[in-house]
Amino acid sequence: LGIFYFVAIFYVIVQGKDSVSSGIQLLYFAPGIVSSY
């Protein structure tokens, strides 16, 4: 939860992306979560 929260903030503040692009970037974490599960 902390990782997703702060990575989303990182994408918005540091990389200057909008919230939709930030959410799309977080989708790249999903295959890793599913495979580890």
PDB file of all heavy atoms in Angstrom:
ATOM      1  N   LEU A   1       0.829  -1.201   0.000  1.00  0.00           N
ATOM      2  CA  LEU A   1       0.000   0.000   0.000  1.00  0.00           C
ATOM      3  C   LEU A   1       0.865   1.254   0.000  1.00  0.00           C
ATOM      4  O   LEU A   1       0.617   2.201  -0.755  1.00  0.00           O
ATOM      5  CB  LEU A   1      -0.938  -0.011   1.210  1.00  0.00           C
ATOM      6  CG  LEU A   1      -1.843   1.202   1.371  1.00  0.00           C
ATOM      7  CD1 LEU A   1      -2.918   1.191   0.298  1.00  0.00           C
ATOM      8  CD2 LEU A   1      -2.466   1.211   2.751  1.00  0.00           C
ATOM      9  N   GLY A   2       1.898   1.263   0.831  1.00  0.00           N
ATOM     10  CA  GLY A   2       2.807   2.408   0.866  1.00  0.00           C
ATOM     11  C   GLY A   2       3.534   2.602  -0.442  1.00  0.00           C
ATOM     12  O   GLY A   2       3.705   3.742  -0.917  1.00  0.00           O
ATOM     13  N   ILE A   3       3.955   1.518  -1.050  1.00  0.00           N
ATOM     14  CA  ILE A   3       4.658   1.618  -2.334  1.00  0.00           C
ATOM     15  C   ILE A   3       3.741   2.221  -3.401  1.00  0.00           C
ATOM     16  O   ILE A   3       4.130   3.153  -4.117  1.00  0.00           O
ATOM     17  CB  ILE A   3       5.180   0.238  -2.777  1.00  0.00           C
ATOM     18  CG1 ILE A   3       6.375  -0.163  -1.914  1.00  0.00           C
ATOM     19  CG2 ILE A   3       5.550   0.235  -4.248  1.00  0.00           C
ATOM     20  CD1 ILE A   3       6.849  -1.575  -2.161  1.00  0.00           C
ATOM     21  N   PHE A   4       2.522   1.706  -3.506  1.00  0.00           N
ATOM     22  CA  PHE A   4       1.618   2.244  -4.515  1.00  0.00           C
ATOM     23  C   PHE A   4       1.288   3.713  -4.256  1.00  0.00           C
ATOM     24  O   PHE A   4       1.189   4.517  -5.178  1.00  0.00           O
ATOM     25  CB  PHE A   4       0.325   1.421  -4.587  1.00  0.00           C
ATOM     26  CG  PHE A   4       0.455   0.194  -5.432  1.00  0.00           C
ATOM     27  CD1 PHE A   4       0.123  -1.047  -4.923  1.00  0.00           C
ATOM     28  CD2 PHE A   4       0.901   0.283  -6.728  1.00  0.00           C
ATOM     29  CE1 PHE A   4       0.240  -2.177  -5.705  1.00  0.00           C
ATOM     30  CE2 PHE A   4       1.020  -0.841  -7.527  1.00  0.00           C
ATOM     31  CZ  PHE A   4       0.691  -2.079  -7.009  1.00  0.00           C
ATOM     32  N   TYR A   5       1.131   4.067  -3.002  1.00  0.00           N
ATOM     33  CA  TYR A   5       0.809   5.453  -2.656  1.00  0.00           C
ATOM     34  C   TYR A   5       1.952   6.385  -3.053  1.00  0.00           C
ATOM     35  O   TYR A   5       1.745   7.392  -3.730  1.00  0.00           O
ATOM     36  CB  TYR A   5       0.510   5.544  -1.160  1.00  0.00           C
ATOM     37  CG  TYR A   5       0.134   6.921  -0.697  1.00  0.00           C
ATOM     38  CD1 TYR A   5      -1.144   7.410  -0.923  1.00  0.00           C
ATOM     39  CD2 TYR A   5       1.057   7.727  -0.042  1.00  0.00           C
ATOM     40  CE1 TYR A   5      -1.495   8.673  -0.493  1.00  0.00           C
ATOM     41  CE2 TYR A   5       0.713   8.990   0.387  1.00  0.00           C
ATOM     42  CZ  TYR A   5      -0.571   9.461   0.164  1.00  0.00           C
ATOM     43  OH  TYR A   5      -0.912  10.703   0.577  1.00  0.00           O
ATOM     44  N   PHE A   6       3.166   6.043  -2.650  1.00  0.00           N
ATOM     45  CA  PHE A   6       4.281   6.949  -2.903  1.00  0.00           C
ATOM     46  C   PHE A   6       4.793   6.884  -4.339  1.00  0.00           C
ATOM     47  O   PHE A   6       5.307   7.878  -4.858  1.00  0.00           O
ATOM     48  CB  PHE A   6       5.401   6.695  -1.900  1.00  0.00           C
ATOM     49  CG  PHE A   6       5.063   7.183  -0.530  1.00  0.00           C
ATOM     50  CD1 PHE A   6       4.864   6.290   0.509  1.00  0.00           C
ATOM     51  CD2 PHE A   6       4.898   8.532  -0.287  1.00  0.00           C
ATOM     52  CE1 PHE A   6       4.531   6.741   1.767  1.00  0.00           C
ATOM     53  CE2 PHE A   6       4.556   8.992   0.975  1.00  0.00           C
ATOM     54  CZ  PHE A   6       4.372   8.105   2.005  1.00  0.00           C
ATOM     55  N   VAL A   7       4.666   5.743  -5.008  1.00  0.00           N
ATOM     56  CA  VAL A   7       5.059   5.677  -6.418  1.00  0.00           C
ATOM     57  C   VAL A   7       4.109   6.531  -7.253  1.00  0.00           C
ATOM     58  O   VAL A   7       4.547   7.228  -8.191  1.00  0.00           O
ATOM     59  CB  VAL A   7       5.112   4.216  -6.913  1.00  0.00           C
ATOM     60  CG1 VAL A   7       5.209   4.143  -8.427  1.00  0.00           C
ATOM     61  CG2 VAL A   7       6.289   3.500  -6.282  1.00  0.00           C
ATOM     62  N   ALA A   8       2.808   6.520  -6.926  1.00  0.00           N
ATOM     63  CA  ALA A   8       1.858   7.371  -7.642  1.00  0.00           C
ATOM     64  C   ALA A   8       2.201   8.847  -7.440  1.00  0.00           C
ATOM     65  O   ALA A   8       2.166   9.639  -8.386  1.00  0.00           O
ATOM     66  CB  ALA A   8       0.439   7.072  -7.180  1.00  0.00           C
ATOM     67  N   ILE A   9       2.543   9.224  -6.225  1.00  0.00           N
ATOM     68  CA  ILE A   9       2.957  10.608  -5.961  1.00  0.00           C
ATOM     69  C   ILE A   9       4.240  10.933  -6.715  1.00  0.00           C
ATOM     70  O   ILE A   9       4.407  12.029  -7.263  1.00  0.00           O
ATOM     71  CB  ILE A   9       3.121  10.835  -4.444  1.00  0.00           C
ATOM     72  CG1 ILE A   9       1.759  10.814  -3.770  1.00  0.00           C
ATOM     73  CG2 ILE A   9       3.821  12.157  -4.163  1.00  0.00           C
ATOM     74  CD1 ILE A   9       1.814  10.881  -2.269  1.00  0.00           C
ATOM     75  N   PHE A  10       5.171   9.983  -6.776  1.00  0.00           N
ATOM     76  CA  PHE A  10       6.417  10.189  -7.512  1.00  0.00           C
ATOM     77  C   PHE A  10       6.139  10.483  -8.979  1.00  0.00           C
ATOM     78  O   PHE A  10       6.712  11.402  -9.568  1.00  0.00           O
ATOM     79  CB  PHE A  10       7.305   8.944  -7.379  1.00  0.00           C
ATOM     80  CG  PHE A  10       8.512   8.960  -8.268  1.00  0.00           C
ATOM     81  CD1 PHE A  10       9.631   9.702  -7.921  1.00  0.00           C
ATOM     82  CD2 PHE A  10       8.518   8.240  -9.452  1.00  0.00           C
ATOM     83  CE1 PHE A  10      10.747   9.709  -8.741  1.00  0.00           C
ATOM     84  CE2 PHE A  10       9.627   8.246 -10.278  1.00  0.00           C
ATOM     85  CZ  PHE A  10      10.749   8.992  -9.916  1.00  0.00           C
ATOM     86  N   TYR A  11       5.237   9.685  -9.597  1.00  0.00           N
ATOM     87  CA  TYR A  11       4.919   9.905 -10.999  1.00  0.00           C
ATOM     88  C   TYR A  11       4.281  11.280 -11.222  1.00  0.00           C
ATOM     89  O   TYR A  11       4.543  11.939 -12.224  1.00  0.00           O
ATOM     90  CB  TYR A  11       3.994   8.812 -11.538  1.00  0.00           C
ATOM     91  CG  TYR A  11       4.694   7.511 -11.828  1.00  0.00           C
ATOM     92  CD1 TYR A  11       4.164   6.311 -11.399  1.00  0.00           C
ATOM     93  CD2 TYR A  11       5.869   7.478 -12.554  1.00  0.00           C
ATOM     94  CE1 TYR A  11       4.791   5.116 -11.662  1.00  0.00           C
ATOM     95  CE2 TYR A  11       6.513   6.285 -12.824  1.00  0.00           C
ATOM     96  CZ  TYR A  11       5.969   5.117 -12.377  1.00  0.00           C
ATOM     97  OH  TYR A  11       6.604   3.939 -12.644  1.00  0.00           O
ATOM     98  N   VAL A  12       3.435  11.719 -10.307  1.00  0.00           N
ATOM     99  CA  VAL A  12       2.747  12.994 -10.481  1.00  0.00           C
ATOM    100  C   VAL A  12       3.688  14.168 -10.231  1.00  0.00           C
ATOM    101  O   VAL A  12       3.772  15.098 -11.034  1.00  0.00           O
ATOM    102  CB  VAL A  12       1.508  13.074  -9.558  1.00  0.00           C
ATOM    103  CG1 VAL A  12       0.909  14.468  -9.558  1.00  0.00           C
ATOM    104  CG2 VAL A  12       0.467  12.050  -9.973  1.00  0.00           C
ATOM    105  N   ILE A  13       4.441  14.141  -9.120  1.00  0.00           N
ATOM    106  CA  ILE A  13       5.254  15.296  -8.736  1.00  0.00           C
ATOM    107  C   ILE A  13       6.592  15.327  -9.475  1.00  0.00           C
ATOM    108  O   ILE A  13       6.960  16.349 -10.063  1.00  0.00           O
ATOM    109  CB  ILE A  13       5.466  15.305  -7.210  1.00  0.00           C
ATOM    110  CG1 ILE A  13       4.134  15.538  -6.504  1.00  0.00           C
ATOM    111  CG2 ILE A  13       6.468  16.378  -6.813  1.00  0.00           C
ATOM    112  CD1 ILE A  13       4.198  15.431  -5.009  1.00  0.00           C
ATOM    113  N   VAL A  14       7.321  14.232  -9.443  1.00  0.00           N
ATOM    114  CA  VAL A  14       8.670  14.237  -9.999  1.00  0.00           C
ATOM    115  C   VAL A  14       8.655  14.170 -11.520  1.00  0.00           C
ATOM    116  O   VAL A  14       9.341  14.944 -12.203  1.00  0.00           O
ATOM    117  CB  VAL A  14       9.507  13.083  -9.408  1.00  0.00           C
ATOM    118  CG1 VAL A  14      10.869  13.010 -10.060  1.00  0.00           C
ATOM    119  CG2 VAL A  14       9.623  13.244  -7.908  1.00  0.00           C
ATOM    120  N   GLN A  15       7.873  13.255 -12.071  1.00  0.00           N
ATOM    121  CA  GLN A  15       7.881  13.100 -13.519  1.00  0.00           C
ATOM    122  C   GLN A  15       6.854  13.975 -14.226  1.00  0.00           C
ATOM    123  O   GLN A  15       6.817  14.020 -15.449  1.00  0.00           O
ATOM    124  CB  GLN A  15       7.677  11.631 -13.891  1.00  0.00           C
ATOM    125  CG  GLN A  15       8.866  10.781 -13.488  1.00  0.00           C
ATOM    126  CD  GLN A  15       8.776   9.382 -14.049  1.00  0.00           C
ATOM    127  OE1 GLN A  15       7.755   8.976 -14.591  1.00  0.00           O
ATOM    128  NE2 GLN A  15       9.861   8.644 -13.926  1.00  0.00           N
ATOM    129  N   GLY A  16       5.996  14.644 -13.469  1.00  0.00           N
ATOM    130  CA  GLY A  16       5.054  15.599 -14.050  1.00  0.00           C
ATOM    131  C   GLY A  16       3.929  14.974 -14.841  1.00  0.00           C
ATOM    132  O   GLY A  16       3.331  15.620 -15.699  1.00  0.00           O
ATOM    133  N   LYS A  17       3.583  13.726 -14.570  1.00  0.00           N
ATOM    134  CA  LYS A  17       2.484  13.066 -15.285  1.00  0.00           C
ATOM    135  C   LYS A  17       1.155  13.433 -14.632  1.00  0.00           C
ATOM    136  O   LYS A  17       1.100  13.838 -13.473  1.00  0.00           O
ATOM    137  CB  LYS A  17       2.672  11.552 -15.268  1.00  0.00           C
ATOM    138  CG  LYS A  17       3.925  11.082 -15.991  1.00  0.00           C
ATOM    139  CD  LYS A  17       3.989   9.575 -15.982  1.00  0.00           C
ATOM    140  CE  LYS A  17       5.263   9.099 -16.612  1.00  0.00           C
ATOM    141  NZ  LYS A  17       5.201   9.013 -18.051  1.00  0.00           N
ATOM    142  N   ASP A  18       0.077  13.297 -15.396  1.00  0.00           N
ATOM    143  CA  ASP A  18      -1.236  13.504 -14.789  1.00  0.00           C
ATOM    144  C   ASP A  18      -1.652  12.230 -14.042  1.00  0.00           C
ATOM    145  O   ASP A  18      -0.969  11.212 -14.100  1.00  0.00           O
ATOM    146  CB  ASP A  18      -2.265  13.893 -15.855  1.00  0.00           C
ATOM    147  CG  ASP A  18      -2.447  12.833 -16.929  1.00  0.00           C
ATOM    148  OD1 ASP A  18      -1.549  11.994 -17.072  1.00  0.00           O
ATOM    149  OD2 ASP A  18      -3.480  12.862 -17.619  1.00  0.00           O
ATOM    150  N   SER A  19      -2.778  12.295 -13.341  1.00  0.00           N
ATOM    151  CA  SER A  19      -3.181  11.168 -12.494  1.00  0.00           C
ATOM    152  C   SER A  19      -3.527   9.926 -13.314  1.00  0.00           C
ATOM    153  O   SER A  19      -3.283   8.800 -12.871  1.00  0.00           O
ATOM    154  CB  SER A  19      -4.352  11.572 -11.612  1.00  0.00           C
ATOM    155  OG  SER A  19      -5.445  11.991 -12.412  1.00  0.00           O
ATOM    156  N   VAL A  20      -4.081  10.092 -14.509  1.00  0.00           N
ATOM    157  CA  VAL A  20      -4.418   8.938 -15.342  1.00  0.00           C
ATOM    158  C   VAL A  20      -3.139   8.235 -15.804  1.00  0.00           C
ATOM    159  O   VAL A  20      -3.028   6.998 -15.741  1.00  0.00           O
ATOM    160  CB  VAL A  20      -5.276   9.373 -16.557  1.00  0.00           C
ATOM    161  CG1 VAL A  20      -5.513   8.203 -17.497  1.00  0.00           C
ATOM    162  CG2 VAL A  20      -6.604   9.944 -16.083  1.00  0.00           C
ATOM    163  N   SER A  21      -2.149   8.989 -16.250  1.00  0.00           N
ATOM    164  CA  SER A  21      -0.872   8.389 -16.670  1.00  0.00           C
ATOM    165  C   SER A  21      -0.178   7.719 -15.493  1.00  0.00           C
ATOM    166  O   SER A  21       0.445   6.667 -15.648  1.00  0.00           O
ATOM    167  CB  SER A  21       0.046   9.457 -17.262  1.00  0.00           C
ATOM    168  OG  SER A  21      -0.542  10.053 -18.374  1.00  0.00           O
ATOM    169  N   SER A  22      -0.289   8.319 -14.328  1.00  0.00           N
ATOM    170  CA  SER A  22       0.303   7.724 -13.132  1.00  0.00           C
ATOM    171  C   SER A  22      -0.355   6.375 -12.824  1.00  0.00           C
ATOM    172  O   SER A  22       0.315   5.397 -12.498  1.00  0.00           O
ATOM    173  CB  SER A  22       0.138   8.673 -11.947  1.00  0.00           C
ATOM    174  OG  SER A  22       0.582   8.076 -10.768  1.00  0.00           O
ATOM    175  N   GLY A  23      -1.690   6.311 -12.933  1.00  0.00           N
ATOM    176  CA  GLY A  23      -2.399   5.054 -12.714  1.00  0.00           C
ATOM    177  C   GLY A  23      -2.028   4.002 -13.735  1.00  0.00           C
ATOM    178  O   GLY A  23      -1.902   2.815 -13.411  1.00  0.00           O
ATOM    179  N   ILE A  24      -1.845   4.427 -14.981  1.00  0.00           N
ATOM    180  CA  ILE A  24      -1.442   3.476 -16.026  1.00  0.00           C
ATOM    181  C   ILE A  24      -0.040   2.939 -15.739  1.00  0.00           C
ATOM    182  O   ILE A  24       0.237   1.755 -15.937  1.00  0.00           O
ATOM    183  CB  ILE A  24      -1.524   4.142 -17.421  1.00  0.00           C
ATOM    184  CG1 ILE A  24      -2.994   4.388 -17.771  1.00  0.00           C
ATOM    185  CG2 ILE A  24      -0.855   3.290 -18.486  1.00  0.00           C
ATOM    186  CD1 ILE A  24      -3.204   5.220 -19.014  1.00  0.00           C
ATOM    187  N   GLN A  25       0.846   3.784 -15.247  1.00  0.00           N
ATOM    188  CA  GLN A  25       2.201   3.332 -14.910  1.00  0.00           C
ATOM    189  C   GLN A  25       2.175   2.309 -13.766  1.00  0.00           C
ATOM    190  O   GLN A  25       2.993   1.398 -13.714  1.00  0.00           O
ATOM    191  CB  GLN A  25       3.078   4.518 -14.520  1.00  0.00           C
ATOM    192  CG  GLN A  25       3.391   5.451 -15.670  1.00  0.00           C
ATOM    193  CD  GLN A  25       4.210   4.763 -16.749  1.00  0.00           C
ATOM    194  OE1 GLN A  25       5.117   3.990 -16.467  1.00  0.00           O
ATOM    195  NE2 GLN A  25       3.845   5.014 -17.994  1.00  0.00           N
ATOM    196  N   LEU A  26       1.214   2.457 -12.858  1.00  0.00           N
ATOM    197  CA  LEU A  26       1.095   1.499 -11.753  1.00  0.00           C
ATOM    198  C   LEU A  26       0.607   0.136 -12.225  1.00  0.00           C
ATOM    199  O   LEU A  26       0.807  -0.865 -11.535  1.00  0.00           O
ATOM    200  CB  LEU A  26       0.164   2.042 -10.667  1.00  0.00           C
ATOM    201  CG  LEU A  26       0.719   3.193  -9.842  1.00  0.00           C
ATOM    202  CD1 LEU A  26      -0.341   3.712  -8.885  1.00  0.00           C
ATOM    203  CD2 LEU A  26       1.951   2.767  -9.068  1.00  0.00           C
ATOM    204  N   LEU A  27      -0.040   0.084 -13.389  1.00  0.00           N
ATOM    205  CA  LEU A  27      -0.496  -1.204 -13.919  1.00  0.00           C
ATOM    206  C   LEU A  27       0.664  -2.132 -14.242  1.00  0.00           C
ATOM    207  O   LEU A  27       0.498  -3.348 -14.278  1.00  0.00           O
ATOM    208  CB  LEU A  27      -1.358  -0.995 -15.166  1.00  0.00           C
ATOM    209  CG  LEU A  27      -2.752  -0.430 -14.924  1.00  0.00           C
ATOM    210  CD1 LEU A  27      -3.449  -0.189 -16.248  1.00  0.00           C
ATOM    211  CD2 LEU A  27      -3.563  -1.370 -14.054  1.00  0.00           C
ATOM    212  N   TYR A  28       1.854  -1.579 -14.457  1.00  0.00           N
ATOM    213  CA  TYR A  28       3.012  -2.422 -14.756  1.00  0.00           C
ATOM    214  C   TYR A  28       3.445  -3.252 -13.535  1.00  0.00           C
ATOM    215  O   TYR A  28       4.182  -4.216 -13.668  1.00  0.00           O
ATOM    216  CB  TYR A  28       4.179  -1.572 -15.265  1.00  0.00           C
ATOM    217  CG  TYR A  28       3.908  -0.941 -16.606  1.00  0.00           C
ATOM    218  CD1 TYR A  28       3.834   0.438 -16.736  1.00  0.00           C
ATOM    219  CD2 TYR A  28       3.715  -1.734 -17.719  1.00  0.00           C
ATOM    220  CE1 TYR A  28       3.577   1.017 -17.962  1.00  0.00           C
ATOM    221  CE2 TYR A  28       3.454  -1.166 -18.957  1.00  0.00           C
ATOM    222  CZ  TYR A  28       3.386   0.217 -19.064  1.00  0.00           C
ATOM    223  OH  TYR A  28       3.134   0.778 -20.278  1.00  0.00           O
ATOM    224  N   PHE A  29       2.974  -2.871 -12.361  1.00  0.00           N
ATOM    225  CA  PHE A  29       3.280  -3.650 -11.164  1.00  0.00           C
ATOM    226  C   PHE A  29       2.416  -4.908 -11.068  1.00  0.00           C
ATOM    227  O   PHE A  29       2.755  -5.852 -10.366  1.00  0.00           O
ATOM    228  CB  PHE A  29       3.049  -2.811  -9.894  1.00  0.00           C
ATOM    229  CG  PHE A  29       4.099  -1.790  -9.645  1.00  0.00           C
ATOM    230  CD1 PHE A  29       3.904  -0.465 -10.001  1.00  0.00           C
ATOM    231  CD2 PHE A  29       5.287  -2.142  -9.041  1.00  0.00           C
ATOM    232  CE1 PHE A  29       4.867   0.483  -9.765  1.00  0.00           C
ATOM    233  CE2 PHE A  29       6.263  -1.203  -8.785  1.00  0.00           C
ATOM    234  CZ  PHE A  29       6.059   0.111  -9.156  1.00  0.00           C
ATOM    235  N   ALA A  30       1.263  -4.912 -11.742  1.00  0.00           N
ATOM    236  CA  ALA A  30       0.295  -6.006 -11.598  1.00  0.00           C
ATOM    237  C   ALA A  30       0.857  -7.378 -11.975  1.00  0.00           C
ATOM    238  O   ALA A  30       0.635  -8.345 -11.234  1.00  0.00           O
ATOM    239  CB  ALA A  30      -0.963  -5.693 -12.398  1.00  0.00           C
ATOM    240  N   PRO A  31       1.570  -7.532 -13.108  1.00  0.00           N
ATOM    241  CA  PRO A  31       2.088  -8.874 -13.411  1.00  0.00           C
ATOM    242  C   PRO A  31       3.055  -9.398 -12.344  1.00  0.00           C
ATOM    243  O   PRO A  31       3.040 -10.592 -12.029  1.00  0.00           O
ATOM    244  CB  PRO A  31       2.808  -8.696 -14.752  1.00  0.00           C
ATOM    245  CG  PRO A  31       2.195  -7.492 -15.360  1.00  0.00           C
ATOM    246  CD  PRO A  31       1.812  -6.608 -14.219  1.00  0.00           C
ATOM    247  N   GLY A  32       3.837  -8.514 -11.758  1.00  0.00           N
ATOM    248  CA  GLY A  32       4.747  -8.945 -10.691  1.00  0.00           C
ATOM    249  C   GLY A  32       4.001  -9.400  -9.454  1.00  0.00           C
ATOM    250  O   GLY A  32       4.368 -10.387  -8.813  1.00  0.00           O
ATOM    251  N   ILE A  33       2.931  -8.705  -9.136  1.00  0.00           N
ATOM    252  CA  ILE A  33       2.130  -9.086  -7.970  1.00  0.00           C
ATOM    253  C   ILE A  33       1.448 -10.425  -8.220  1.00  0.00           C
ATOM    254  O   ILE A  33       1.455 -11.311  -7.367  1.00  0.00           O
ATOM    255  CB  ILE A  33       1.093  -7.997  -7.659  1.00  0.00           C
ATOM    256  CG1 ILE A  33       1.792  -6.717  -7.220  1.00  0.00           C
ATOM    257  CG2 ILE A  33       0.109  -8.456  -6.592  1.00  0.00           C
ATOM    258  CD1 ILE A  33       0.864  -5.538  -7.115  1.00  0.00           C
ATOM    259  N   VAL A  34       0.861 -10.593  -9.399  1.00  0.00           N
ATOM    260  CA  VAL A  34       0.169 -11.842  -9.722  1.00  0.00           C
ATOM    261  C   VAL A  34       1.136 -13.007  -9.757  1.00  0.00           C
ATOM    262  O   VAL A  34       0.861 -14.081  -9.231  1.00  0.00           O
ATOM    263  CB  VAL A  34      -0.595 -11.704 -11.060  1.00  0.00           C
ATOM    264  CG1 VAL A  34      -1.140 -13.041 -11.512  1.00  0.00           C
ATOM    265  CG2 VAL A  34      -1.704 -10.687 -10.916  1.00  0.00           C
ATOM    266  N   SER A  35       2.322 -12.806 -10.366  1.00  0.00           N
ATOM    267  CA  SER A  35       3.282 -13.913 -10.459  1.00  0.00           C
ATOM    268  C   SER A  35       3.848 -14.265  -9.090  1.00  0.00           C
ATOM    269  O   SER A  35       4.064 -15.431  -8.780  1.00  0.00           O
ATOM    270  CB  SER A  35       4.409 -13.579 -11.435  1.00  0.00           C
ATOM    271  OG  SER A  35       5.162 -12.484 -10.953  1.00  0.00           O
ATOM    272  N   SER A  36       4.070 -13.275  -8.227  1.00  0.00           N
ATOM    273  CA  SER A  36       4.571 -13.592  -6.893  1.00  0.00           C
ATOM    274  C   SER A  36       3.512 -14.296  -6.064  1.00  0.00           C
ATOM    275  O   SER A  36       3.803 -15.164  -5.271  1.00  0.00           O
ATOM    276  CB  SER A  36       5.060 -12.338  -6.185  1.00  0.00           C
ATOM    277  OG  SER A  36       3.972 -11.475  -5.907  1.00  0.00           O
ATOM    278  N   TYR A  37       2.242 -13.935  -6.278  1.00  0.00           N
ATOM    279  CA  TYR A  37       1.159 -14.598  -5.570  1.00  0.00           C
ATOM    280  C   TYR A  37       1.038 -16.052  -6.029  1.00  0.00           C
ATOM    281  O   TYR A  37       0.855 -16.945  -5.223  1.00  0.00           O
ATOM    282  CB  TYR A  37      -0.156 -13.850  -5.797  1.00  0.00           C
ATOM    283  CG  TYR A  37      -1.341 -14.522  -5.150  1.00  0.00           C
ATOM    284  CD1 TYR A  37      -1.522 -14.481  -3.790  1.00  0.00           C
ATOM    285  CD2 TYR A  37      -2.266 -15.224  -5.922  1.00  0.00           C
ATOM    286  CE1 TYR A  37      -2.598 -15.105  -3.192  1.00  0.00           C
ATOM    287  CE2 TYR A  37      -3.340 -15.850  -5.339  1.00  0.00           C
ATOM    288  CZ  TYR A  37      -3.503 -15.787  -3.980  1.00  0.00           C
ATOM    289  OH  TYR A  37      -4.563 -16.418  -3.396  1.00  0.00           O
TER     290      TYR A  37
END
